[in-house]
Amino acid sequence: MHSARTITIGNDFTVNRMGFGAMRLCGKHVWGWPDDRENALRVLRRAVELGVNFIDTADAYGPHVNEEQIAAALFPYPAGVAVATKGGSTRPAPTEWKRDGRPEHLIGACEGSLRRLRLDRIELYQLHAVDPAVPLEEQVGTLRTLRDAGKIRHIGLSNVNLEQLRHAERIAPIASVQNNYNVGNRESEAVLEHCENGGIAFIPYFPLDAGDIVALDALEPIAAAHGATIFAVALAWLLRRSPATLPIPGTSSLEHLAENVAAARLELTDDEYAALEAAAQPSATDRRADS
């Protein structure tokens, strides 16, 4: 059995543990609007209808387009729906992802996200990636200042290692960490364990390894036994792996959205879970910071 179907972030707001990553609603290379703009809005509305109340985005998605989509589809936001966004990445071109952790950039990025999302306060604002050119004290300290000013409710981090997380915790309370993690790639295992022990939500991005989870042979017999997809099994594994996990599978398909949300009800047997525990494969690539 996996644990509770909800998770509390920062000790004061609770969401369902199957969230939605909105990045895939943008156009090719996460740039601009998709060809079918209305479909993107339908997917967001349907996600909430299916019980999703945690939606993840970033100002770099589009750039800006993804936040505009979320507001266009959901504002005024239904009670209990939390939108988490990120700042600190820039997009000079469709295939480029840069980091900018300067305080002035982060302040401007947060203000821009507030306007696009039509919010007075962002529930969870995450540093998209640590900028090695800027002291971490300045980056996390800026988010602390934004929190103290009431612009954000909680501070999160993305694409961090354990050393960076521990360093950040000495600067401000950290409510969440968003790293690349799935049944086939467990490079962030130590970070997940630290989060679980410290009451920090762990948000695995690429929970389906950007579709490459199909390479993990152990998923097939388990999916067949449950009459489910291998993707549902991979999500069920994440939910059982730790009560700290908050998967955010993303899709532009209404059908796949329903399958992903339904995975929250799939219960793995002890033997199935053990088989997947033993089947981890090392990640072949160091993916870009576009969670």
C-alpha atoms as a PDB file:
ATOM      1  CA  MET A   1       0.000   0.000   0.000  1.00  0.00           C
ATOM      2  CA  HIS A   2       1.225   3.518  -0.654  1.00  0.00           C
ATOM      3  CA  SER A   3       0.612   6.203   1.909  1.00  0.00           C
ATOM      4  CA  ALA A   4      -1.744   9.147   2.028  1.00  0.00           C
ATOM      5  CA  ARG A   5      -3.048  10.576  -1.227  1.00  0.00           C
ATOM      6  CA  THR A   6      -2.386  14.123  -0.062  1.00  0.00           C
ATOM      7  CA  ILE A   7       0.728  16.021   0.984  1.00  0.00           C
ATOM      8  CA  THR A   8       1.140  19.151   3.073  1.00  0.00           C
ATOM      9  CA  ILE A   9       3.610  21.728   1.759  1.00  0.00           C
ATOM     10  CA  GLY A  10       5.287  24.031   4.219  1.00  0.00           C
ATOM     11  CA  ASN A  11       3.082  22.712   7.026  1.00  0.00           C
ATOM     12  CA  ASP A  12       0.140  24.867   6.021  1.00  0.00           C
ATOM     13  CA  PHE A  13      -1.409  23.897   2.689  1.00  0.00           C
ATOM     14  CA  THR A  14      -2.403  20.468   1.494  1.00  0.00           C
ATOM     15  CA  VAL A  15      -2.760  19.216  -2.076  1.00  0.00           C
ATOM     16  CA  ASN A  16      -3.474  15.915  -3.782  1.00  0.00           C
ATOM     17  CA  ARG A  17      -0.305  13.958  -4.492  1.00  0.00           C
ATOM     18  CA  MET A  18      -0.891  13.645  -8.232  1.00  0.00           C
ATOM     19  CA  GLY A  19      -0.134  17.090  -9.593  1.00  0.00           C
ATOM     20  CA  PHE A  20       0.123  18.374 -13.150  1.00  0.00           C
ATOM     21  CA  GLY A  21       3.213  19.718 -14.895  1.00  0.00           C
ATOM     22  CA  ALA A  22       1.993  22.248 -17.433  1.00  0.00           C
ATOM     23  CA  MET A  23       5.203  22.622 -19.466  1.00  0.00           C
ATOM     24  CA  ARG A  24       4.045  20.326 -22.295  1.00  0.00           C
ATOM     25  CA  LEU A  25       1.161  22.650 -23.131  1.00  0.00           C
ATOM     26  CA  CYS A  26       3.570  25.037 -24.852  1.00  0.00           C
ATOM     27  CA  GLY A  27       4.702  24.735 -28.445  1.00  0.00           C
ATOM     28  CA  LYS A  28       7.712  22.847 -29.791  1.00  0.00           C
ATOM     29  CA  HIS A  29      10.832  23.167 -27.635  1.00  0.00           C
ATOM     30  CA  VAL A  30       8.613  24.590 -24.860  1.00  0.00           C
ATOM     31  CA  TRP A  31       8.425  27.785 -26.929  1.00  0.00           C
ATOM     32  CA  GLY A  32       5.332  29.806 -27.735  1.00  0.00           C
ATOM     33  CA  TRP A  33       1.759  28.580 -27.937  1.00  0.00           C
ATOM     34  CA  PRO A  34       0.905  25.170 -29.388  1.00  0.00           C
ATOM     35  CA  ASP A  35      -0.951  24.937 -32.677  1.00  0.00           C
ATOM     36  CA  ASP A  36      -4.154  24.042 -30.833  1.00  0.00           C
ATOM     37  CA  ARG A  37      -4.471  26.750 -28.206  1.00  0.00           C
ATOM     38  CA  GLU A  38      -7.909  25.726 -27.021  1.00  0.00           C
ATOM     39  CA  ASN A  39      -6.787  22.166 -26.335  1.00  0.00           C
ATOM     40  CA  ALA A  40      -4.176  23.444 -23.890  1.00  0.00           C
ATOM     41  CA  LEU A  41      -6.860  25.293 -21.965  1.00  0.00           C
ATOM     42  CA  ARG A  42      -9.171  22.258 -22.035  1.00  0.00           C
ATOM     43  CA  VAL A  43      -6.439  20.060 -20.559  1.00  0.00           C
ATOM     44  CA  LEU A  44      -5.871  22.468 -17.673  1.00  0.00           C
ATOM     45  CA  ARG A  45      -9.587  22.706 -16.905  1.00  0.00           C
ATOM     46  CA  ARG A  46     -10.007  18.943 -17.135  1.00  0.00           C
ATOM     47  CA  ALA A  47      -7.080  18.368 -14.777  1.00  0.00           C
ATOM     48  CA  VAL A  48      -8.851  20.375 -12.086  1.00  0.00           C
ATOM     49  CA  GLU A  49     -12.142  18.577 -12.808  1.00  0.00           C
ATOM     50  CA  LEU A  50     -10.328  15.283 -12.212  1.00  0.00           C
ATOM     51  CA  GLY A  51      -9.138  16.448  -8.808  1.00  0.00           C
ATOM     52  CA  VAL A  52      -5.712  17.864  -9.570  1.00  0.00           C
ATOM     53  CA  ASN A  53      -5.109  20.871  -7.333  1.00  0.00           C
ATOM     54  CA  PHE A  54      -1.348  21.365  -7.697  1.00  0.00           C
ATOM     55  CA  ILE A  55      -0.153  22.787 -11.021  1.00  0.00           C
ATOM     56  CA  ASP A  56       3.529  23.380 -11.741  1.00  0.00           C
ATOM     57  CA  THR A  57       4.914  25.867 -14.244  1.00  0.00           C
ATOM     58  CA  ALA A  58       7.778  28.364 -14.731  1.00  0.00           C
ATOM     59  CA  ASP A  59       8.257  31.749 -16.312  1.00  0.00           C
ATOM     60  CA  ALA A  60      10.741  30.104 -18.708  1.00  0.00           C
ATOM     61  CA  TYR A  61       8.056  27.905 -20.260  1.00  0.00           C
ATOM     62  CA  GLY A  62       7.018  29.675 -23.406  1.00  0.00           C
ATOM     63  CA  PRO A  63       8.661  31.862 -22.124  1.00  0.00           C
ATOM     64  CA  HIS A  64       5.730  33.305 -20.132  1.00  0.00           C
ATOM     65  CA  VAL A  65       3.165  31.482 -22.288  1.00  0.00           C
ATOM     66  CA  ASN A  66       2.557  28.655 -19.815  1.00  0.00           C
ATOM     67  CA  GLU A  67       1.669  31.024 -16.981  1.00  0.00           C
ATOM     68  CA  GLU A  68      -0.654  32.920 -19.330  1.00  0.00           C
ATOM     69  CA  GLN A  69      -2.343  29.633 -20.302  1.00  0.00           C
ATOM     70  CA  ILE A  70      -2.954  28.708 -16.676  1.00  0.00           C
ATOM     71  CA  ALA A  71      -4.571  32.051 -15.888  1.00  0.00           C
ATOM     72  CA  ALA A  72      -6.621  32.002 -19.103  1.00  0.00           C
ATOM     73  CA  ALA A  73      -7.952  28.533 -18.297  1.00  0.00           C
ATOM     74  CA  LEU A  74      -8.462  28.699 -14.546  1.00  0.00           C
ATOM     75  CA  PHE A  75      -8.767  32.277 -13.274  1.00  0.00           C
ATOM     76  CA  PRO A  76     -10.512  32.876 -10.967  1.00  0.00           C
ATOM     77  CA  TYR A  77      -8.877  29.821  -9.450  1.00  0.00           C
ATOM     78  CA  PRO A  78     -11.149  27.232  -7.834  1.00  0.00           C
ATOM     79  CA  ALA A  79     -10.817  26.938  -4.080  1.00  0.00           C
ATOM     80  CA  GLY A  80      -7.893  24.781  -3.059  1.00  0.00           C
ATOM     81  CA  VAL A  81      -6.020  24.965  -6.370  1.00  0.00           C
ATOM     82  CA  ALA A  82      -2.371  25.938  -5.920  1.00  0.00           C
ATOM     83  CA  VAL A  83      -0.125  27.123  -8.745  1.00  0.00           C
ATOM     84  CA  ALA A  84       3.618  26.730  -8.243  1.00  0.00           C
ATOM     85  CA  THR A  85       6.007  28.522 -10.542  1.00  0.00           C
ATOM     86  CA  LYS A  86       9.737  29.029 -10.924  1.00  0.00           C
ATOM     87  CA  GLY A  87      12.176  31.825 -11.708  1.00  0.00           C
ATOM     88  CA  GLY A  88      15.871  31.956 -12.432  1.00  0.00           C
ATOM     89  CA  SER A  89      15.982  30.480 -15.946  1.00  0.00           C
ATOM     90  CA  THR A  90      15.949  32.494 -19.155  1.00  0.00           C
ATOM     91  CA  ARG A  91      15.236  31.543 -22.762  1.00  0.00           C
ATOM     92  CA  PRO A  92      17.334  33.464 -25.294  1.00  0.00           C
ATOM     93  CA  ALA A  93      16.157  31.116 -28.075  1.00  0.00           C
ATOM     94  CA  PRO A  94      13.884  28.056 -28.462  1.00  0.00           C
ATOM     95  CA  THR A  95      16.666  25.561 -27.805  1.00  0.00           C
ATOM     96  CA  GLU A  96      18.554  27.580 -25.173  1.00  0.00           C
ATOM     97  CA  TRP A  97      18.160  27.482 -21.389  1.00  0.00           C
ATOM     98  CA  LYS A  98      20.276  29.887 -19.327  1.00  0.00           C
ATOM     99  CA  ARG A  99      20.466  30.628 -15.610  1.00  0.00           C
ATOM    100  CA  ASP A 100      20.122  34.036 -13.999  1.00  0.00           C
ATOM    101  CA  GLY A 101      20.057  34.119 -10.210  1.00  0.00           C
ATOM    102  CA  ARG A 102      20.840  37.800  -9.750  1.00  0.00           C
ATOM    103  CA  PRO A 103      18.549  39.371  -7.148  1.00  0.00           C
ATOM    104  CA  GLU A 104      17.253  41.967  -9.598  1.00  0.00           C
ATOM    105  CA  HIS A 105      16.341  39.267 -12.088  1.00  0.00           C
ATOM    106  CA  LEU A 106      14.580  37.098  -9.509  1.00  0.00           C
ATOM    107  CA  ILE A 107      12.578  40.028  -8.186  1.00  0.00           C
ATOM    108  CA  GLY A 108      11.509  41.007 -11.697  1.00  0.00           C
ATOM    109  CA  ALA A 109      10.725  37.397 -12.576  1.00  0.00           C
ATOM    110  CA  CYS A 110       8.501  36.987  -9.531  1.00  0.00           C
ATOM    111  CA  GLU A 111       6.655  40.221 -10.248  1.00  0.00           C
ATOM    112  CA  GLY A 112       6.098  39.103 -13.833  1.00  0.00           C
ATOM    113  CA  SER A 113       4.744  35.739 -12.708  1.00  0.00           C
ATOM    114  CA  LEU A 114       2.354  37.427 -10.291  1.00  0.00           C
ATOM    115  CA  ARG A 115       0.960  39.569 -13.128  1.00  0.00           C
ATOM    116  CA  ARG A 116       0.623  36.732 -15.634  1.00  0.00           C
ATOM    117  CA  LEU A 117      -0.955  34.362 -13.115  1.00  0.00           C
ATOM    118  CA  ARG A 118      -3.201  37.180 -11.805  1.00  0.00           C
ATOM    119  CA  LEU A 119      -2.200  36.433  -8.227  1.00  0.00           C
ATOM    120  CA  ASP A 120      -1.404  38.585  -5.234  1.00  0.00           C
ATOM    121  CA  ARG A 121       0.767  35.815  -3.791  1.00  0.00           C
ATOM    122  CA  ILE A 122       2.357  32.705  -5.282  1.00  0.00           C
ATOM    123  CA  GLU A 123       1.858  29.652  -3.076  1.00  0.00           C
ATOM    124  CA  LEU A 124       5.183  28.034  -3.970  1.00  0.00           C
ATOM    125  CA  TYR A 125       7.937  29.916  -5.787  1.00  0.00           C
ATOM    126  CA  GLN A 126      10.959  27.858  -6.794  1.00  0.00           C
ATOM    127  CA  LEU A 127      14.485  28.755  -7.814  1.00  0.00           C
ATOM    128  CA  HIS A 128      14.578  27.044 -11.207  1.00  0.00           C
ATOM    129  CA  ALA A 129      18.280  26.250 -11.060  1.00  0.00           C
ATOM    130  CA  VAL A 130      21.211  27.480  -8.997  1.00  0.00           C
ATOM    131  CA  ASP A 131      23.225  30.098 -10.867  1.00  0.00           C
ATOM    132  CA  PRO A 132      26.906  29.295 -10.229  1.00  0.00           C
ATOM    133  CA  ALA A 133      27.828  32.924 -10.961  1.00  0.00           C
ATOM    134  CA  VAL A 134      25.791  34.251  -8.016  1.00  0.00           C
ATOM    135  CA  PRO A 135      26.285  33.338  -4.345  1.00  0.00           C
ATOM    136  CA  LEU A 136      23.529  31.033  -3.156  1.00  0.00           C
ATOM    137  CA  GLU A 137      22.990  33.360  -0.195  1.00  0.00           C
ATOM    138  CA  GLU A 138      21.893  36.058  -2.635  1.00  0.00           C
ATOM    139  CA  GLN A 139      19.605  33.781  -4.629  1.00  0.00           C
ATOM    140  CA  VAL A 140      17.779  32.146  -1.716  1.00  0.00           C
ATOM    141  CA  GLY A 141      18.008  35.350   0.290  1.00  0.00           C
ATOM    142  CA  THR A 142      16.103  37.159  -2.456  1.00  0.00           C
ATOM    143  CA  LEU A 143      13.329  34.567  -2.294  1.00  0.00           C
ATOM    144  CA  ARG A 144      13.256  35.007   1.477  1.00  0.00           C
ATOM    145  CA  THR A 145      12.805  38.748   0.969  1.00  0.00           C
ATOM    146  CA  LEU A 146       9.955  38.118  -1.480  1.00  0.00           C
ATOM    147  CA  ARG A 147       8.352  35.786   1.061  1.00  0.00           C
ATOM    148  CA  ASP A 148       8.684  38.361   3.830  1.00  0.00           C
ATOM    149  CA  ALA A 149       7.070  40.935   1.534  1.00  0.00           C
ATOM    150  CA  GLY A 150       4.067  38.642   1.019  1.00  0.00           C
ATOM    151  CA  LYS A 151       4.783  38.018  -2.665  1.00  0.00           C
ATOM    152  CA  ILE A 152       5.277  34.282  -2.161  1.00  0.00           C
ATOM    153  CA  ARG A 153       4.095  31.883   0.501  1.00  0.00           C
ATOM    154  CA  HIS A 154       6.817  29.235   0.403  1.00  0.00           C
ATOM    155  CA  ILE A 155      10.285  28.834  -1.113  1.00  0.00           C
ATOM    156  CA  GLY A 156      11.229  25.852  -3.243  1.00  0.00           C
ATOM    157  CA  LEU A 157      14.353  24.737  -5.084  1.00  0.00           C
ATOM    158  CA  SER A 158      14.815  22.870  -8.348  1.00  0.00           C
ATOM    159  CA  ASN A 159      17.762  21.010  -9.859  1.00  0.00           C
ATOM    160  CA  VAL A 160      19.802  20.937  -6.655  1.00  0.00           C
ATOM    161  CA  ASN A 161      22.138  18.444  -5.062  1.00  0.00           C
ATOM    162  CA  LEU A 162      22.208  17.584  -1.367  1.00  0.00           C
ATOM    163  CA  GLU A 163      24.986  20.034  -0.552  1.00  0.00           C
ATOM    164  CA  GLN A 164      23.110  22.915  -2.187  1.00  0.00           C
ATOM    165  CA  LEU A 165      19.897  21.958  -0.401  1.00  0.00           C
ATOM    166  CA  ARG A 166      21.584  21.879   2.992  1.00  0.00           C
ATOM    167  CA  HIS A 167      23.232  25.221   2.279  1.00  0.00           C
ATOM    168  CA  ALA A 168      19.912  26.768   1.263  1.00  0.00           C
ATOM    169  CA  GLU A 169      18.228  25.508   4.432  1.00  0.00           C
ATOM    170  CA  ARG A 170      20.659  27.606   6.456  1.00  0.00           C
ATOM    171  CA  ILE A 171      19.415  30.694   4.606  1.00  0.00           C
ATOM    172  CA  ALA A 172      15.639  30.172   4.627  1.00  0.00           C
ATOM    173  CA  PRO A 173      13.054  27.439   5.233  1.00  0.00           C
ATOM    174  CA  ILE A 174      12.737  25.248   2.127  1.00  0.00           C
ATOM    175  CA  ALA A 175       9.282  23.794   1.470  1.00  0.00           C
ATOM    176  CA  SER A 176       9.987  21.738  -1.657  1.00  0.00           C
ATOM    177  CA  VAL A 177      12.627  20.359  -3.995  1.00  0.00           C
ATOM    178  CA  GLN A 178      11.942  19.589  -7.657  1.00  0.00           C
ATOM    179  CA  ASN A 179      14.489  17.266  -9.256  1.00  0.00           C
ATOM    180  CA  ASN A 180      14.652  14.784 -12.120  1.00  0.00           C
ATOM    181  CA  TYR A 181      13.628  11.450 -10.569  1.00  0.00           C
ATOM    182  CA  ASN A 182      11.716   8.386 -11.693  1.00  0.00           C
ATOM    183  CA  VAL A 183      11.737   4.608 -11.396  1.00  0.00           C
ATOM    184  CA  GLY A 184      14.591   4.366 -13.903  1.00  0.00           C
ATOM    185  CA  ASN A 185      16.659   7.344 -12.733  1.00  0.00           C
ATOM    186  CA  ARG A 186      17.369   7.681  -9.037  1.00  0.00           C
ATOM    187  CA  GLU A 187      20.335  10.012  -9.035  1.00  0.00           C
ATOM    188  CA  SER A 188      18.496  12.237  -6.549  1.00  0.00           C
ATOM    189  CA  GLU A 189      17.939   9.427  -4.049  1.00  0.00           C
ATOM    190  CA  ALA A 190      19.911  11.176  -1.302  1.00  0.00           C
ATOM    191  CA  VAL A 191      17.993  14.404  -1.864  1.00  0.00           C
ATOM    192  CA  LEU A 192      14.670  12.557  -1.671  1.00  0.00           C
ATOM    193  CA  GLU A 193      15.651  10.887   1.588  1.00  0.00           C
ATOM    194  CA  HIS A 194      16.706  14.223   3.066  1.00  0.00           C
ATOM    195  CA  CYS A 195      13.388  15.739   2.027  1.00  0.00           C
ATOM    196  CA  GLU A 196      11.420  12.879   3.554  1.00  0.00           C
ATOM    197  CA  ASN A 197      13.317  13.147   6.824  1.00  0.00           C
ATOM    198  CA  GLY A 198      12.934  16.927   6.919  1.00  0.00           C
ATOM    199  CA  GLY A 199       9.271  17.258   5.967  1.00  0.00           C
ATOM    200  CA  ILE A 200      10.094  18.779   2.576  1.00  0.00           C
ATOM    201  CA  ALA A 201       7.916  17.949  -0.434  1.00  0.00           C
ATOM    202  CA  PHE A 202       9.863  16.228  -3.205  1.00  0.00           C
ATOM    203  CA  ILE A 203       8.471  16.983  -6.672  1.00  0.00           C
ATOM    204  CA  PRO A 204       9.897  14.537  -9.226  1.00  0.00           C
ATOM    205  CA  TYR A 205       9.997  16.034 -12.684  1.00  0.00           C
ATOM    206  CA  PHE A 206      10.243  13.785 -15.718  1.00  0.00           C
ATOM    207  CA  PRO A 207       8.323  11.248 -13.580  1.00  0.00           C
ATOM    208  CA  LEU A 208       7.912   9.197 -16.769  1.00  0.00           C
ATOM    209  CA  ASP A 209      11.473   9.956 -17.956  1.00  0.00           C
ATOM    210  CA  ALA A 210      10.061  12.129 -20.757  1.00  0.00           C
ATOM    211  CA  GLY A 211       8.481   8.969 -22.171  1.00  0.00           C
ATOM    212  CA  ASP A 212      11.698   6.959 -22.089  1.00  0.00           C
ATOM    213  CA  ILE A 213      10.400   4.911 -19.173  1.00  0.00           C
ATOM    214  CA  VAL A 214       9.418   2.365 -21.856  1.00  0.00           C
ATOM    215  CA  ALA A 215      13.015   1.115 -21.719  1.00  0.00           C
ATOM    216  CA  LEU A 216      12.431  -0.356 -18.254  1.00  0.00           C
ATOM    217  CA  ASP A 217      11.331  -3.942 -18.969  1.00  0.00           C
ATOM    218  CA  ALA A 218      10.142  -4.632 -15.407  1.00  0.00           C
ATOM    219  CA  LEU A 219       7.128  -2.354 -15.925  1.00  0.00           C
ATOM    220  CA  GLU A 220       5.424  -4.464 -18.605  1.00  0.00           C
ATOM    221  CA  PRO A 221       4.349  -7.548 -16.605  1.00  0.00           C
ATOM    222  CA  ILE A 222       3.116  -5.376 -13.739  1.00  0.00           C
ATOM    223  CA  ALA A 223       1.093  -3.201 -16.101  1.00  0.00           C
ATOM    224  CA  ALA A 224      -0.417  -6.311 -17.682  1.00  0.00           C
ATOM    225  CA  ALA A 225      -1.386  -7.705 -14.272  1.00  0.00           C
ATOM    226  CA  HIS A 226      -3.281  -4.524 -13.422  1.00  0.00           C
ATOM    227  CA  GLY A 227      -4.706  -3.825 -16.863  1.00  0.00           C
ATOM    228  CA  ALA A 228      -2.889  -0.513 -16.749  1.00  0.00           C
ATOM    229  CA  THR A 229      -0.265   1.310 -18.774  1.00  0.00           C
ATOM    230  CA  ILE A 230       3.414   1.172 -17.885  1.00  0.00           C
ATOM    231  CA  PHE A 231       3.177   4.904 -17.260  1.00  0.00           C
ATOM    232  CA  ALA A 232       0.536   4.401 -14.589  1.00  0.00           C
ATOM    233  CA  VAL A 233       2.730   1.786 -12.930  1.00  0.00           C
ATOM    234  CA  ALA A 234       5.718   4.149 -12.946  1.00  0.00           C
ATOM    235  CA  LEU A 235       3.610   6.839 -11.272  1.00  0.00           C
ATOM    236  CA  ALA A 236       2.257   4.372  -8.717  1.00  0.00           C
ATOM    237  CA  TRP A 237       5.837   3.432  -7.870  1.00  0.00           C
ATOM    238  CA  LEU A 238       6.680   7.097  -7.217  1.00  0.00           C
ATOM    239  CA  LEU A 239       3.708   7.488  -4.885  1.00  0.00           C
ATOM    240  CA  ARG A 240       4.689   4.415  -2.915  1.00  0.00           C
ATOM    241  CA  ARG A 241       8.418   5.179  -2.909  1.00  0.00           C
ATOM    242  CA  SER A 242       8.029   7.944  -0.314  1.00  0.00           C
ATOM    243  CA  PRO A 243       5.220   9.929   1.316  1.00  0.00           C
ATOM    244  CA  ALA A 244       7.219  13.033   0.373  1.00  0.00           C
ATOM    245  CA  THR A 245       6.751  12.586  -3.378  1.00  0.00           C
ATOM    246  CA  LEU A 246       4.411  14.796  -5.400  1.00  0.00           C
ATOM    247  CA  PRO A 247       4.612  13.633  -9.037  1.00  0.00           C
ATOM    248  CA  ILE A 248       3.712  16.155 -11.738  1.00  0.00           C
ATOM    249  CA  PRO A 249       3.208  14.207 -14.983  1.00  0.00           C
ATOM    250  CA  GLY A 250       2.540  16.495 -17.904  1.00  0.00           C
ATOM    251  CA  THR A 251       0.700  15.918 -21.154  1.00  0.00           C
ATOM    252  CA  SER A 252      -1.255  17.749 -23.823  1.00  0.00           C
ATOM    253  CA  SER A 253      -3.579  14.748 -24.271  1.00  0.00           C
ATOM    254  CA  LEU A 254      -6.903  14.546 -22.448  1.00  0.00           C
ATOM    255  CA  GLU A 255      -6.730  10.745 -22.628  1.00  0.00           C
ATOM    256  CA  HIS A 256      -3.252  10.554 -21.109  1.00  0.00           C
ATOM    257  CA  LEU A 257      -4.245  13.095 -18.471  1.00  0.00           C
ATOM    258  CA  ALA A 258      -7.050  10.831 -17.275  1.00  0.00           C
ATOM    259  CA  GLU A 259      -4.702   7.815 -17.230  1.00  0.00           C
ATOM    260  CA  ASN A 260      -2.110   9.709 -15.193  1.00  0.00           C
ATOM    261  CA  VAL A 261      -4.617  10.916 -12.610  1.00  0.00           C
ATOM    262  CA  ALA A 262      -6.078   7.414 -12.305  1.00  0.00           C
ATOM    263  CA  ALA A 263      -2.611   6.095 -11.431  1.00  0.00           C
ATOM    264  CA  ALA A 264      -3.100   7.541  -7.954  1.00  0.00           C
ATOM    265  CA  ARG A 265      -5.528   4.682  -7.310  1.00  0.00           C
ATOM    266  CA  LEU A 266      -3.219   1.915  -8.517  1.00  0.00           C
ATOM    267  CA  GLU A 267      -1.797  -0.131  -5.640  1.00  0.00           C
ATOM    268  CA  LEU A 268       1.333  -2.208  -6.245  1.00  0.00           C
ATOM    269  CA  THR A 269       1.813  -5.472  -4.400  1.00  0.00           C
ATOM    270  CA  ASP A 270       4.907  -5.877  -2.253  1.00  0.00           C
ATOM    271  CA  ASP A 271       6.443  -8.190  -4.852  1.00  0.00           C
ATOM    272  CA  GLU A 272       5.740  -5.747  -7.687  1.00  0.00           C
ATOM    273  CA  TYR A 273       7.255  -2.893  -5.738  1.00  0.00           C
ATOM    274  CA  ALA A 274      10.333  -4.992  -4.933  1.00  0.00           C
ATOM    275  CA  ALA A 275      10.751  -5.896  -8.611  1.00  0.00           C
ATOM    276  CA  LEU A 276      10.750  -2.231  -9.575  1.00  0.00           C
ATOM    277  CA  GLU A 277      13.085  -1.333  -6.732  1.00  0.00           C
ATOM    278  CA  ALA A 278      15.607  -3.760  -8.192  1.00  0.00           C
ATOM    279  CA  ALA A 279      15.158  -2.553 -11.764  1.00  0.00           C
ATOM    280  CA  ALA A 280      16.588   0.964 -11.583  1.00  0.00           C
ATOM    281  CA  GLN A 281      18.790   1.933 -14.482  1.00  0.00           C
ATOM    282  CA  PRO A 282      21.338   4.744 -14.293  1.00  0.00           C
ATOM    283  CA  SER A 283      20.346   7.837 -16.225  1.00  0.00           C
ATOM    284  CA  ALA A 284      22.030   7.984 -19.616  1.00  0.00           C
ATOM    285  CA  THR A 285      22.063  11.751 -19.763  1.00  0.00           C
ATOM    286  CA  ASP A 286      22.223  14.778 -17.542  1.00  0.00           C
ATOM    287  CA  ARG A 287      18.970  16.440 -18.567  1.00  0.00           C
ATOM    288  CA  ARG A 288      18.644  20.193 -18.949  1.00  0.00           C
ATOM    289  CA  ALA A 289      17.087  22.333 -16.228  1.00  0.00           C
ATOM    290  CA  ASP A 290      13.634  22.616 -17.762  1.00  0.00           C
ATOM    291  CA  SER A 291      11.522  20.870 -15.167  1.00  0.00           C
END
